[in-house]
Amino acid sequence: MTLIKRTAEAAEIAREPRNLKRTIRIALVVGSILFVVNQMDVVLSGAATSGTWIKVATTYVVPFFVANLGIIGARRDAELATVPVPTQPSYSRPVVLPAMESAPTYW
């Protein structure tokens, strides 16, 4: 699959309403915690610059993208799990294992 197709597929998954609602909620919660920890003192002191506000925006955008990547990865894993896997390749002969001299005992 090409990068363009994968990107388009990822954007489609991220735009689904249930995923968008979930990722926005995660971004607001995680971003708010990070904002309080990292930037709140600068904003409350009145020393916030445009660089500070860029950091604040990034504080919310990064969790949004990370949450989307988690959803996209989980979706791909689920799709891979439903793909039938051949039990035996068509090009090989049946595998015959050597007989054991005695069965293992576990007690």
PDB file of N, CA and C in Angstrom:
ATOM      1  N   MET A   1       0.848  -1.167   0.000  1.00  0.00           N
ATOM      2  CA  MET A   1       0.000   0.000   0.000  1.00  0.00           C
ATOM      3  C   MET A   1       0.902   1.242   0.000  1.00  0.00           C
ATOM      4  N   THR A   2       0.584   2.185  -0.831  1.00  0.00           N
ATOM      5  CA  THR A   2       1.414   3.378  -0.937  1.00  0.00           C
ATOM      6  C   THR A   2       1.171   4.311   0.240  1.00  0.00           C
ATOM      7  N   LEU A   3       2.113   5.212   0.425  1.00  0.00           N
ATOM      8  CA  LEU A   3       2.016   6.167   1.526  1.00  0.00           C
ATOM      9  C   LEU A   3       0.782   7.050   1.381  1.00  0.00           C
ATOM     10  N   ILE A   4       0.473   7.453   0.167  1.00  0.00           N
ATOM     11  CA  ILE A   4      -0.694   8.311  -0.057  1.00  0.00           C
ATOM     12  C   ILE A   4      -1.979   7.581   0.306  1.00  0.00           C
ATOM     13  N   LYS A   5      -2.086   6.314  -0.085  1.00  0.00           N
ATOM     14  CA  LYS A   5      -3.288   5.538   0.246  1.00  0.00           C
ATOM     15  C   LYS A   5      -3.400   5.323   1.751  1.00  0.00           C
ATOM     16  N   ARG A   6      -2.263   5.040   2.399  1.00  0.00           N
ATOM     17  CA  ARG A   6      -2.287   4.827   3.850  1.00  0.00           C
ATOM     18  C   ARG A   6      -2.669   6.110   4.580  1.00  0.00           C
ATOM     19  N   THR A   7      -2.166   7.242   4.103  1.00  0.00           N
ATOM     20  CA  THR A   7      -2.497   8.524   4.716  1.00  0.00           C
ATOM     21  C   THR A   7      -3.973   8.844   4.528  1.00  0.00           C
ATOM     22  N   ALA A   8      -4.494   8.591   3.349  1.00  0.00           N
ATOM     23  CA  ALA A   8      -5.913   8.834   3.094  1.00  0.00           C
ATOM     24  C   ALA A   8      -6.777   7.921   3.964  1.00  0.00           C
ATOM     25  N   GLU A   9      -6.367   6.672   4.106  1.00  0.00           N
ATOM     26  CA  GLU A   9      -7.105   5.732   4.954  1.00  0.00           C
ATOM     27  C   GLU A   9      -7.072   6.180   6.414  1.00  0.00           C
ATOM     28  N   ALA A  10      -5.901   6.626   6.867  1.00  0.00           N
ATOM     29  CA  ALA A  10      -5.775   7.100   8.249  1.00  0.00           C
ATOM     30  C   ALA A  10      -6.648   8.325   8.490  1.00  0.00           C
ATOM     31  N   ALA A  11      -6.670   9.243   7.537  1.00  0.00           N
ATOM     32  CA  ALA A  11      -7.511  10.441   7.682  1.00  0.00           C
ATOM     33  C   ALA A  11      -8.989  10.074   7.716  1.00  0.00           C
ATOM     34  N   GLU A  12      -9.369   9.092   6.923  1.00  0.00           N
ATOM     35  CA  GLU A  12     -10.765   8.641   6.913  1.00  0.00           C
ATOM     36  C   GLU A  12     -11.162   8.038   8.262  1.00  0.00           C
ATOM     37  N   ILE A  13     -10.289   7.229   8.819  1.00  0.00           N
ATOM     38  CA  ILE A  13     -10.555   6.629  10.133  1.00  0.00           C
ATOM     39  C   ILE A  13     -10.631   7.714  11.205  1.00  0.00           C
ATOM     40  N   ALA A  14      -9.727   8.681  11.143  1.00  0.00           N
ATOM     41  CA  ALA A  14      -9.686   9.742  12.148  1.00  0.00           C
ATOM     42  C   ALA A  14     -10.912  10.644  12.073  1.00  0.00           C
ATOM     43  N   ARG A  15     -11.512  10.772  10.890  1.00  0.00           N
ATOM     44  CA  ARG A  15     -12.689  11.640  10.732  1.00  0.00           C
ATOM     45  C   ARG A  15     -13.999  10.972  11.120  1.00  0.00           C
ATOM     46  N   GLU A  16     -13.985   9.693  11.393  1.00  0.00           N
ATOM     47  CA  GLU A  16     -15.229   9.033  11.817  1.00  0.00           C
ATOM     48  C   GLU A  16     -15.719   9.691  13.097  1.00  0.00           C
ATOM     49  N   PRO A  17     -17.007  10.009  13.177  1.00  0.00           N
ATOM     50  CA  PRO A  17     -17.511  10.763  14.332  1.00  0.00           C
ATOM     51  C   PRO A  17     -17.190  10.151  15.686  1.00  0.00           C
ATOM     52  N   ARG A  18     -17.309   8.842  15.833  1.00  0.00           N
ATOM     53  CA  ARG A  18     -17.035   8.236  17.148  1.00  0.00           C
ATOM     54  C   ARG A  18     -15.547   8.344  17.494  1.00  0.00           C
ATOM     55  N   ASN A  19     -14.671   8.206  16.488  1.00  0.00           N
ATOM     56  CA  ASN A  19     -13.241   8.342  16.746  1.00  0.00           C
ATOM     57  C   ASN A  19     -12.873   9.789  17.028  1.00  0.00           C
ATOM     58  N   LEU A  20     -13.465  10.703  16.279  1.00  0.00           N
ATOM     59  CA  LEU A  20     -13.175  12.121  16.469  1.00  0.00           C
ATOM     60  C   LEU A  20     -13.602  12.583  17.863  1.00  0.00           C
ATOM     61  N   LYS A  21     -14.764  12.125  18.292  1.00  0.00           N
ATOM     62  CA  LYS A  21     -15.240  12.482  19.632  1.00  0.00           C
ATOM     63  C   LYS A  21     -14.278  11.963  20.698  1.00  0.00           C
ATOM     64  N   ARG A  22     -13.836  10.739  20.544  1.00  0.00           N
ATOM     65  CA  ARG A  22     -12.931  10.124  21.514  1.00  0.00           C
ATOM     66  C   ARG A  22     -11.578  10.836  21.539  1.00  0.00           C
ATOM     67  N   THR A  23     -11.000  11.102  20.359  1.00  0.00           N
ATOM     68  CA  THR A  23      -9.675  11.702  20.311  1.00  0.00           C
ATOM     69  C   THR A  23      -9.677  13.154  20.782  1.00  0.00           C
ATOM     70  N   ILE A  24     -10.755  13.866  20.511  1.00  0.00           N
ATOM     71  CA  ILE A  24     -10.847  15.246  21.016  1.00  0.00           C
ATOM     72  C   ILE A  24     -10.937  15.238  22.534  1.00  0.00           C
ATOM     73  N   ARG A  25     -11.717  14.338  23.080  1.00  0.00           N
ATOM     74  CA  ARG A  25     -11.838  14.237  24.534  1.00  0.00           C
ATOM     75  C   ARG A  25     -10.479  13.911  25.174  1.00  0.00           C
ATOM     76  N   ILE A  26      -9.764  12.966  24.581  1.00  0.00           N
ATOM     77  CA  ILE A  26      -8.439  12.610  25.097  1.00  0.00           C
ATOM     78  C   ILE A  26      -7.500  13.800  25.017  1.00  0.00           C
ATOM     79  N   ALA A  27      -7.512  14.505  23.885  1.00  0.00           N
ATOM     80  CA  ALA A  27      -6.633  15.659  23.715  1.00  0.00           C
ATOM     81  C   ALA A  27      -6.941  16.751  24.726  1.00  0.00           C
ATOM     82  N   LEU A  28      -8.219  16.969  25.015  1.00  0.00           N
ATOM     83  CA  LEU A  28      -8.580  18.000  25.995  1.00  0.00           C
ATOM     84  C   LEU A  28      -8.119  17.632  27.402  1.00  0.00           C
ATOM     85  N   VAL A  29      -8.306  16.387  27.780  1.00  0.00           N
ATOM     86  CA  VAL A  29      -7.913  15.961  29.126  1.00  0.00           C
ATOM     87  C   VAL A  29      -6.387  15.960  29.269  1.00  0.00           C
ATOM     88  N   VAL A  30      -5.707  15.263  28.370  1.00  0.00           N
ATOM     89  CA  VAL A  30      -4.251  15.155  28.461  1.00  0.00           C
ATOM     90  C   VAL A  30      -3.596  16.516  28.227  1.00  0.00           C
ATOM     91  N   GLY A  31      -4.084  17.253  27.235  1.00  0.00           N
ATOM     92  CA  GLY A  31      -3.532  18.572  26.951  1.00  0.00           C
ATOM     93  C   GLY A  31      -3.695  19.527  28.118  1.00  0.00           C
ATOM     94  N   SER A  32      -4.843  19.484  28.786  1.00  0.00           N
ATOM     95  CA  SER A  32      -5.060  20.363  29.936  1.00  0.00           C
ATOM     96  C   SER A  32      -4.116  20.033  31.085  1.00  0.00           C
ATOM     97  N   ILE A  33      -3.908  18.747  31.323  1.00  0.00           N
ATOM     98  CA  ILE A  33      -2.969  18.345  32.377  1.00  0.00           C
ATOM     99  C   ILE A  33      -1.563  18.828  32.040  1.00  0.00           C
ATOM    100  N   LEU A  34      -1.150  18.616  30.796  1.00  0.00           N
ATOM    101  CA  LEU A  34       0.186  19.061  30.389  1.00  0.00           C
ATOM    102  C   LEU A  34       0.311  20.584  30.420  1.00  0.00           C
ATOM    103  N   PHE A  35      -0.761  21.289  30.068  1.00  0.00           N
ATOM    104  CA  PHE A  35      -0.745  22.750  30.116  1.00  0.00           C
ATOM    105  C   PHE A  35      -0.535  23.231  31.546  1.00  0.00           C
ATOM    106  N   VAL A  36      -1.258  22.653  32.468  1.00  0.00           N
ATOM    107  CA  VAL A  36      -1.118  23.060  33.873  1.00  0.00           C
ATOM    108  C   VAL A  36       0.295  22.780  34.368  1.00  0.00           C
ATOM    109  N   VAL A  37       0.831  21.631  34.018  1.00  0.00           N
ATOM    110  CA  VAL A  37       2.166  21.261  34.478  1.00  0.00           C
ATOM    111  C   VAL A  37       3.248  22.130  33.836  1.00  0.00           C
ATOM    112  N   ASN A  38       3.128  22.385  32.543  1.00  0.00           N
ATOM    113  CA  ASN A  38       4.231  23.010  31.816  1.00  0.00           C
ATOM    114  C   ASN A  38       4.113  24.515  31.579  1.00  0.00           C
ATOM    115  N   GLN A  39       2.913  25.052  31.406  1.00  0.00           N
ATOM    116  CA  GLN A  39       2.789  26.439  30.963  1.00  0.00           C
ATOM    117  C   GLN A  39       1.940  27.335  31.855  1.00  0.00           C
ATOM    118  N   MET A  40       1.226  26.778  32.797  1.00  0.00           N
ATOM    119  CA  MET A  40       0.294  27.567  33.599  1.00  0.00           C
ATOM    120  C   MET A  40       0.984  28.710  34.332  1.00  0.00           C
ATOM    121  N   ASP A  41       2.144  28.466  34.900  1.00  0.00           N
ATOM    122  CA  ASP A  41       2.828  29.516  35.654  1.00  0.00           C
ATOM    123  C   ASP A  41       3.208  30.698  34.764  1.00  0.00           C
ATOM    124  N   VAL A  42       3.623  30.414  33.529  1.00  0.00           N
ATOM    125  CA  VAL A  42       3.992  31.491  32.606  1.00  0.00           C
ATOM    126  C   VAL A  42       2.764  32.308  32.219  1.00  0.00           C
ATOM    127  N   VAL A  43       1.659  31.631  31.944  1.00  0.00           N
ATOM    128  CA  VAL A  43       0.431  32.328  31.547  1.00  0.00           C
ATOM    129  C   VAL A  43      -0.112  33.158  32.705  1.00  0.00           C
ATOM    130  N   LEU A  44      -0.135  32.592  33.909  1.00  0.00           N
ATOM    131  CA  LEU A  44      -0.666  33.331  35.063  1.00  0.00           C
ATOM    132  C   LEU A  44       0.212  34.516  35.460  1.00  0.00           C
ATOM    133  N   SER A  45       1.494  34.417  35.194  1.00  0.00           N
ATOM    134  CA  SER A  45       2.379  35.531  35.539  1.00  0.00           C
ATOM    135  C   SER A  45       2.305  36.659  34.514  1.00  0.00           C
ATOM    136  N   GLY A  46       1.631  36.423  33.404  1.00  0.00           N
ATOM    137  CA  GLY A  46       1.493  37.440  32.366  1.00  0.00           C
ATOM    138  C   GLY A  46       2.688  37.517  31.441  1.00  0.00           C
ATOM    139  N   ALA A  47       3.579  36.560  31.518  1.00  0.00           N
ATOM    140  CA  ALA A  47       4.787  36.587  30.700  1.00  0.00           C
ATOM    141  C   ALA A  47       4.670  35.712  29.447  1.00  0.00           C
ATOM    142  N   ALA A  48       3.465  35.352  29.088  1.00  0.00           N
ATOM    143  CA  ALA A  48       3.279  34.485  27.922  1.00  0.00           C
ATOM    144  C   ALA A  48       3.568  35.251  26.636  1.00  0.00           C
ATOM    145  N   THR A  49       4.394  34.665  25.810  1.00  0.00           N
ATOM    146  CA  THR A  49       4.723  35.245  24.506  1.00  0.00           C
ATOM    147  C   THR A  49       4.029  34.424  23.426  1.00  0.00           C
ATOM    148  N   SER A  50       4.253  34.817  22.186  1.00  0.00           N
ATOM    149  CA  SER A  50       3.660  34.036  21.098  1.00  0.00           C
ATOM    150  C   SER A  50       4.253  32.622  21.080  1.00  0.00           C
ATOM    151  N   GLY A  51       5.514  32.505  21.465  1.00  0.00           N
ATOM    152  CA  GLY A  51       6.132  31.180  21.569  1.00  0.00           C
ATOM    153  C   GLY A  51       5.457  30.325  22.611  1.00  0.00           C
ATOM    154  N   THR A  52       5.056  30.946  23.715  1.00  0.00           N
ATOM    155  CA  THR A  52       4.343  30.208  24.764  1.00  0.00           C
ATOM    156  C   THR A  52       3.019  29.682  24.229  1.00  0.00           C
ATOM    157  N   TRP A  53       2.300  30.513  23.470  1.00  0.00           N
ATOM    158  CA  TRP A  53       0.996  30.090  22.950  1.00  0.00           C
ATOM    159  C   TRP A  53       1.134  29.005  21.884  1.00  0.00           C
ATOM    160  N   ILE A  54       2.245  29.024  21.159  1.00  0.00           N
ATOM    161  CA  ILE A  54       2.506  27.925  20.214  1.00  0.00           C
ATOM    162  C   ILE A  54       2.735  26.628  20.990  1.00  0.00           C
ATOM    163  N   LYS A  55       3.453  26.721  22.098  1.00  0.00           N
ATOM    164  CA  LYS A  55       3.661  25.542  22.944  1.00  0.00           C
ATOM    165  C   LYS A  55       2.339  25.039  23.517  1.00  0.00           C
ATOM    166  N   VAL A  56       1.467  25.963  23.912  1.00  0.00           N
ATOM    167  CA  VAL A  56       0.158  25.574  24.451  1.00  0.00           C
ATOM    168  C   VAL A  56      -0.645  24.832  23.379  1.00  0.00           C
ATOM    169  N   ALA A  57      -0.655  25.359  22.166  1.00  0.00           N
ATOM    170  CA  ALA A  57      -1.393  24.694  21.080  1.00  0.00           C
ATOM    171  C   ALA A  57      -0.819  23.302  20.818  1.00  0.00           C
ATOM    172  N   THR A  58       0.498  23.203  20.820  1.00  0.00           N
ATOM    173  CA  THR A  58       1.151  21.912  20.601  1.00  0.00           C
ATOM    174  C   THR A  58       0.809  20.935  21.716  1.00  0.00           C
ATOM    175  N   THR A  59       0.643  21.462  22.924  1.00  0.00           N
ATOM    176  CA  THR A  59       0.294  20.632  24.068  1.00  0.00           C
ATOM    177  C   THR A  59      -1.040  19.916  23.852  1.00  0.00           C
ATOM    178  N   TYR A  60      -1.937  20.514  23.088  1.00  0.00           N
ATOM    179  CA  TYR A  60      -3.226  19.882  22.793  1.00  0.00           C
ATOM    180  C   TYR A  60      -3.196  19.069  21.501  1.00  0.00           C
ATOM    181  N   VAL A  61      -2.400  19.509  20.532  1.00  0.00           N
ATOM    182  CA  VAL A  61      -2.379  18.833  19.229  1.00  0.00           C
ATOM    183  C   VAL A  61      -1.679  17.475  19.311  1.00  0.00           C
ATOM    184  N   VAL A  62      -0.595  17.401  20.048  1.00  0.00           N
ATOM    185  CA  VAL A  62       0.159  16.141  20.119  1.00  0.00           C
ATOM    186  C   VAL A  62      -0.683  15.006  20.699  1.00  0.00           C
ATOM    187  N   PRO A  63      -1.378  15.167  21.831  1.00  0.00           N
ATOM    188  CA  PRO A  63      -2.225  14.058  22.307  1.00  0.00           C
ATOM    189  C   PRO A  63      -3.332  13.688  21.322  1.00  0.00           C
ATOM    190  N   PHE A  64      -3.826  14.665  20.561  1.00  0.00           N
ATOM    191  CA  PHE A  64      -4.843  14.381  19.547  1.00  0.00           C
ATOM    192  C   PHE A  64      -4.282  13.433  18.490  1.00  0.00           C
ATOM    193  N   PHE A  65      -3.076  13.730  17.988  1.00  0.00           N
ATOM    194  CA  PHE A  65      -2.468  12.865  16.982  1.00  0.00           C
ATOM    195  C   PHE A  65      -2.088  11.505  17.548  1.00  0.00           C
ATOM    196  N   VAL A  66      -1.586  11.469  18.757  1.00  0.00           N
ATOM    197  CA  VAL A  66      -1.213  10.192  19.368  1.00  0.00           C
ATOM    198  C   VAL A  66      -2.445   9.308  19.570  1.00  0.00           C
ATOM    199  N   ALA A  67      -3.544   9.897  20.013  1.00  0.00           N
ATOM    200  CA  ALA A  67      -4.778   9.123  20.192  1.00  0.00           C
ATOM    201  C   ALA A  67      -5.263   8.582  18.850  1.00  0.00           C
ATOM    202  N   ASN A  68      -5.163   9.398  17.801  1.00  0.00           N
ATOM    203  CA  ASN A  68      -5.556   8.924  16.471  1.00  0.00           C
ATOM    204  C   ASN A  68      -4.668   7.793  15.988  1.00  0.00           C
ATOM    205  N   LEU A  69      -3.370   7.898  16.228  1.00  0.00           N
ATOM    206  CA  LEU A  69      -2.465   6.822  15.827  1.00  0.00           C
ATOM    207  C   LEU A  69      -2.803   5.519  16.548  1.00  0.00           C
ATOM    208  N   GLY A  70      -3.204   5.625  17.809  1.00  0.00           N
ATOM    209  CA  GLY A  70      -3.614   4.430  18.547  1.00  0.00           C
ATOM    210  C   GLY A  70      -4.844   3.781  17.945  1.00  0.00           C
ATOM    211  N   ILE A  71      -5.813   4.592  17.570  1.00  0.00           N
ATOM    212  CA  ILE A  71      -7.040   4.058  16.972  1.00  0.00           C
ATOM    213  C   ILE A  71      -6.747   3.439  15.614  1.00  0.00           C
ATOM    214  N   ILE A  72      -5.930   4.122  14.817  1.00  0.00           N
ATOM    215  CA  ILE A  72      -5.591   3.613  13.486  1.00  0.00           C
ATOM    216  C   ILE A  72      -4.819   2.304  13.602  1.00  0.00           C
ATOM    217  N   GLY A  73      -3.867   2.241  14.526  1.00  0.00           N
ATOM    218  CA  GLY A  73      -3.109   1.009  14.730  1.00  0.00           C
ATOM    219  C   GLY A  73      -3.981  -0.140  15.195  1.00  0.00           C
ATOM    220  N   ALA A  74      -4.899   0.144  16.109  1.00  0.00           N
ATOM    221  CA  ALA A  74      -5.809  -0.897  16.598  1.00  0.00           C
ATOM    222  C   ALA A  74      -6.716  -1.390  15.477  1.00  0.00           C
ATOM    223  N   ARG A  75      -7.167  -0.481  14.637  1.00  0.00           N
ATOM    224  CA  ARG A  75      -8.025  -0.875  13.512  1.00  0.00           C
ATOM    225  C   ARG A  75      -7.256  -1.770  12.550  1.00  0.00           C
ATOM    226  N   ARG A  76      -6.026  -1.413  12.246  1.00  0.00           N
ATOM    227  CA  ARG A  76      -5.218  -2.233  11.331  1.00  0.00           C
ATOM    228  C   ARG A  76      -4.922  -3.601  11.936  1.00  0.00           C
ATOM    229  N   ASP A  77      -4.628  -3.637  13.235  1.00  0.00           N
ATOM    230  CA  ASP A  77      -4.386  -4.924  13.897  1.00  0.00           C
ATOM    231  C   ASP A  77      -5.620  -5.805  13.829  1.00  0.00           C
ATOM    232  N   ALA A  78      -6.787  -5.215  14.042  1.00  0.00           N
ATOM    233  CA  ALA A  78      -8.036  -5.976  13.992  1.00  0.00           C
ATOM    234  C   ALA A  78      -8.288  -6.502  12.578  1.00  0.00           C
ATOM    235  N   GLU A  79      -7.987  -5.689  11.578  1.00  0.00           N
ATOM    236  CA  GLU A  79      -8.172  -6.142  10.200  1.00  0.00           C
ATOM    237  C   GLU A  79      -7.203  -7.264   9.858  1.00  0.00           C
ATOM    238  N   LEU A  80      -5.975  -7.173  10.327  1.00  0.00           N
ATOM    239  CA  LEU A  80      -5.009  -8.236  10.064  1.00  0.00           C
ATOM    240  C   LEU A  80      -5.406  -9.532  10.757  1.00  0.00           C
ATOM    241  N   ALA A  81      -6.030  -9.416  11.921  1.00  0.00           N
ATOM    242  CA  ALA A  81      -6.439 -10.612  12.665  1.00  0.00           C
ATOM    243  C   ALA A  81      -7.570 -11.350  11.964  1.00  0.00           C
ATOM    244  N   THR A  82      -8.344 -10.667  11.133  1.00  0.00           N
ATOM    245  CA  THR A  82      -9.469 -11.313  10.452  1.00  0.00           C
ATOM    246  C   THR A  82      -9.086 -11.865   9.085  1.00  0.00           C
ATOM    247  N   VAL A  83      -7.863 -11.593   8.621  1.00  0.00           N
ATOM    248  CA  VAL A  83      -7.422 -12.117   7.330  1.00  0.00           C
ATOM    249  C   VAL A  83      -7.109 -13.596   7.500  1.00  0.00           C
ATOM    250  N   PRO A  84      -7.715 -14.447   6.674  1.00  0.00           N
ATOM    251  CA  PRO A  84      -7.436 -15.877   6.816  1.00  0.00           C
ATOM    252  C   PRO A  84      -5.981 -16.188   6.467  1.00  0.00           C
ATOM    253  N   VAL A  85      -5.374 -16.996   7.288  1.00  0.00           N
ATOM    254  CA  VAL A  85      -3.992 -17.406   7.083  1.00  0.00           C
ATOM    255  C   VAL A  85      -4.006 -18.843   6.599  1.00  0.00           C
ATOM    256  N   PRO A  86      -3.342 -19.140   5.481  1.00  0.00           N
ATOM    257  CA  PRO A  86      -3.344 -20.527   5.006  1.00  0.00           C
ATOM    258  C   PRO A  86      -2.657 -21.434   6.018  1.00  0.00           C
ATOM    259  N   THR A  87      -3.226 -22.594   6.212  1.00  0.00           N
ATOM    260  CA  THR A  87      -2.674 -23.515   7.191  1.00  0.00           C
ATOM    261  C   THR A  87      -1.423 -24.208   6.671  1.00  0.00           C
ATOM    262  N   GLN A  88      -1.363 -24.397   5.371  1.00  0.00           N
ATOM    263  CA  GLN A  88      -0.201 -25.056   4.800  1.00  0.00           C
ATOM    264  C   GLN A  88       0.040 -24.461   3.416  1.00  0.00           C
ATOM    265  N   PRO A  89       1.258 -24.020   3.148  1.00  0.00           N
ATOM    266  CA  PRO A  89       1.529 -23.476   1.816  1.00  0.00           C
ATOM    267  C   PRO A  89       1.302 -24.525   0.742  1.00  0.00           C
ATOM    268  N   SER A  90       0.839 -24.089  -0.399  1.00  0.00           N
ATOM    269  CA  SER A  90       0.528 -25.036  -1.467  1.00  0.00           C
ATOM    270  C   SER A  90       1.775 -25.635  -2.104  1.00  0.00           C
ATOM    271  N   TYR A  91       2.922 -25.022  -1.903  1.00  0.00           N
ATOM    272  CA  TYR A  91       4.132 -25.495  -2.545  1.00  0.00           C
ATOM    273  C   TYR A  91       4.876 -26.552  -1.733  1.00  0.00           C
ATOM    274  N   SER A  92       4.460 -26.822  -0.517  1.00  0.00           N
ATOM    275  CA  SER A  92       5.224 -27.753   0.308  1.00  0.00           C
ATOM    276  C   SER A  92       4.504 -29.089   0.455  1.00  0.00           C
ATOM    277  N   ARG A  93       5.299 -30.079   0.805  1.00  0.00           N
ATOM    278  CA  ARG A  93       4.740 -31.397   1.094  1.00  0.00           C
ATOM    279  C   ARG A  93       4.301 -31.423   2.549  1.00  0.00           C
ATOM    280  N   PRO A  94       3.461 -32.350   2.922  1.00  0.00           N
ATOM    281  CA  PRO A  94       3.088 -32.463   4.338  1.00  0.00           C
ATOM    282  C   PRO A  94       4.321 -32.738   5.186  1.00  0.00           C
ATOM    283  N   VAL A  95       4.345 -32.163   6.342  1.00  0.00           N
ATOM    284  CA  VAL A  95       5.476 -32.338   7.244  1.00  0.00           C
ATOM    285  C   VAL A  95       5.245 -33.589   8.064  1.00  0.00           C
ATOM    286  N   VAL A  96       6.221 -34.471   8.076  1.00  0.00           N
ATOM    287  CA  VAL A  96       6.129 -35.702   8.852  1.00  0.00           C
ATOM    288  C   VAL A  96       7.172 -35.598   9.950  1.00  0.00           C
ATOM    289  N   LEU A  97       6.724 -35.617  11.159  1.00  0.00           N
ATOM    290  CA  LEU A  97       7.620 -35.510  12.300  1.00  0.00           C
ATOM    291  C   LEU A  97       8.071 -36.907  12.723  1.00  0.00           C
ATOM    292  N   PRO A  98       9.304 -37.035  13.182  1.00  0.00           N
ATOM    293  CA  PRO A  98       9.755 -38.351  13.647  1.00  0.00           C
ATOM    294  C   PRO A  98       8.975 -38.768  14.888  1.00  0.00           C
ATOM    295  N   ALA A  99       8.745 -40.065  14.996  1.00  0.00           N
ATOM    296  CA  ALA A  99       8.003 -40.574  16.142  1.00  0.00           C
ATOM    297  C   ALA A  99       8.844 -40.449  17.402  1.00  0.00           C
ATOM    298  N   MET A 100       8.171 -40.168  18.498  1.00  0.00           N
ATOM    299  CA  MET A 100       8.870 -40.071  19.789  1.00  0.00           C
ATOM    300  C   MET A 100       9.025 -41.478  20.358  1.00  0.00           C
ATOM    301  N   GLU A 101      10.131 -41.706  21.035  1.00  0.00           N
ATOM    302  CA  GLU A 101      10.357 -43.027  21.622  1.00  0.00           C
ATOM    303  C   GLU A 101       9.360 -43.305  22.734  1.00  0.00           C
ATOM    304  N   SER A 102       9.092 -42.293  23.540  1.00  0.00           N
ATOM    305  CA  SER A 102       8.080 -42.457  24.579  1.00  0.00           C
ATOM    306  C   SER A 102       7.410 -41.114  24.790  1.00  0.00           C
ATOM    307  N   ALA A 103       6.185 -41.187  25.180  1.00  0.00           N
ATOM    308  CA  ALA A 103       5.420 -39.960  25.414  1.00  0.00           C
ATOM    309  C   ALA A 103       5.915 -39.301  26.689  1.00  0.00           C
ATOM    310  N   PRO A 104       6.008 -38.009  26.709  1.00  0.00           N
ATOM    311  CA  PRO A 104       6.461 -37.341  27.934  1.00  0.00           C
ATOM    312  C   PRO A 104       5.441 -37.501  29.055  1.00  0.00           C
ATOM    313  N   THR A 105       5.922 -37.652  30.222  1.00  0.00           N
ATOM    314  CA  THR A 105       5.038 -37.750  31.381  1.00  0.00           C
ATOM    315  C   THR A 105       5.177 -36.479  32.202  1.00  0.00           C
ATOM    316  N   TYR A 106       4.090 -35.984  32.677  1.00  0.00           N
ATOM    317  CA  TYR A 106       4.067 -34.739  33.417  1.00  0.00           C
ATOM    318  C   TYR A 106       3.722 -34.928  34.887  1.00  0.00           C
ATOM    319  N   TRP A 107       3.572 -36.157  35.336  1.00  0.00           N
ATOM    320  CA  TRP A 107       3.243 -36.364  36.736  1.00  0.00           C
ATOM    321  C   TRP A 107       4.123 -37.370  37.371  1.00  0.00           C
TER     322      TRP A 107
END
